[in-house]
Amino acid sequence: MATLPSAMNYWVKESSLTGGQSLSYATHYLIKQHIVFAIPDILMLGSAIIVSKIAALSIEFKLSKSQ
């Protein structure tokens, strides 16, 4: 098992990360220049639903336009 980063060791007193915790760590590590805080799983789920709906509508529009 991988060693936790020091920031996560401080905040999470567990031996492993959950999927949501690791996702929030990776996302904010890259975007916010190493400032880490947890993103709720429901926020990521809602974002994924919105992005996928926009993609589906875009594809549907392009297909109907080409016919």
Protein backbone atom coordinates (compact mmCIF):
# COMPACT_ATOMS: atom_id res chain seq x y z
CA MET A 1 0.00 0.00 0.00
CA ALA A 2 1.26 3.49 -0.84
CA THR A 3 2.28 5.92 1.87
CA LEU A 4 -0.10 8.83 2.38
CA PRO A 5 1.10 12.37 1.71
CA SER A 6 1.83 14.32 4.90
CA ALA A 7 -1.21 16.58 4.49
CA MET A 8 -3.51 13.59 4.23
CA ASN A 9 -1.80 11.90 7.19
CA TYR A 10 -2.59 14.97 9.26
CA TRP A 11 -6.26 15.20 8.23
CA VAL A 12 -7.14 11.55 7.74
CA LYS A 13 -6.13 9.25 10.57
CA GLU A 14 -6.76 6.12 8.48
CA SER A 15 -4.35 3.76 6.76
CA SER A 16 -5.97 4.13 3.32
CA LEU A 17 -7.84 6.69 1.24
CA THR A 18 -11.35 6.26 -0.10
CA GLY A 19 -12.02 6.89 -3.77
CA GLY A 20 -13.53 10.30 -3.12
CA GLN A 21 -10.67 11.37 -0.88
CA SER A 22 -8.01 10.37 -3.39
CA LEU A 23 -9.93 12.08 -6.21
CA SER A 24 -10.24 15.31 -4.27
CA TYR A 25 -6.58 15.18 -3.25
CA ALA A 26 -5.38 14.69 -6.83
CA THR A 27 -7.71 17.33 -8.29
CA HIS A 28 -6.88 20.05 -5.84
CA TYR A 29 -3.21 19.15 -5.70
CA LEU A 30 -3.01 20.00 -9.40
CA ILE A 31 -5.47 22.90 -9.57
CA LYS A 32 -4.84 24.80 -6.36
CA GLN A 33 -1.04 24.50 -6.24
CA HIS A 34 -0.79 21.99 -3.40
CA ILE A 35 -3.61 23.35 -1.24
CA VAL A 36 -5.66 20.27 -0.34
CA PHE A 37 -9.21 20.03 0.96
CA ALA A 38 -11.87 17.38 0.49
CA ILE A 39 -14.51 17.64 -2.22
CA PRO A 40 -17.76 15.89 -1.26
CA ASP A 41 -18.50 12.84 -3.41
CA ILE A 42 -21.95 14.21 -4.24
CA LEU A 43 -20.36 17.32 -5.78
CA MET A 44 -18.17 15.19 -8.05
CA LEU A 45 -21.15 13.02 -8.96
CA GLY A 46 -23.26 16.07 -9.79
CA SER A 47 -20.45 17.54 -11.90
CA ALA A 48 -20.08 14.28 -13.82
CA ILE A 49 -23.83 14.12 -14.48
CA ILE A 50 -23.91 17.69 -15.80
CA VAL A 51 -20.85 17.25 -18.02
CA SER A 52 -22.11 13.95 -19.46
CA LYS A 53 -25.57 15.43 -20.14
CA ILE A 54 -24.00 18.36 -22.00
CA ALA A 55 -21.84 15.95 -24.02
CA ALA A 56 -24.85 13.76 -24.87
CA LEU A 57 -26.93 16.74 -25.99
CA SER A 58 -24.04 18.06 -28.06
CA ILE A 59 -23.58 14.74 -29.84
CA GLU A 60 -27.33 14.39 -30.42
CA PHE A 61 -27.47 17.92 -31.87
CA LYS A 62 -24.54 17.24 -34.21
CA LEU A 63 -26.07 13.96 -35.41
CA SER A 64 -29.48 15.50 -36.08
CA LYS A 65 -27.86 18.43 -37.88
CA SER A 66 -25.90 16.15 -40.22
CA GLN A 67 -28.98 14.18 -41.34
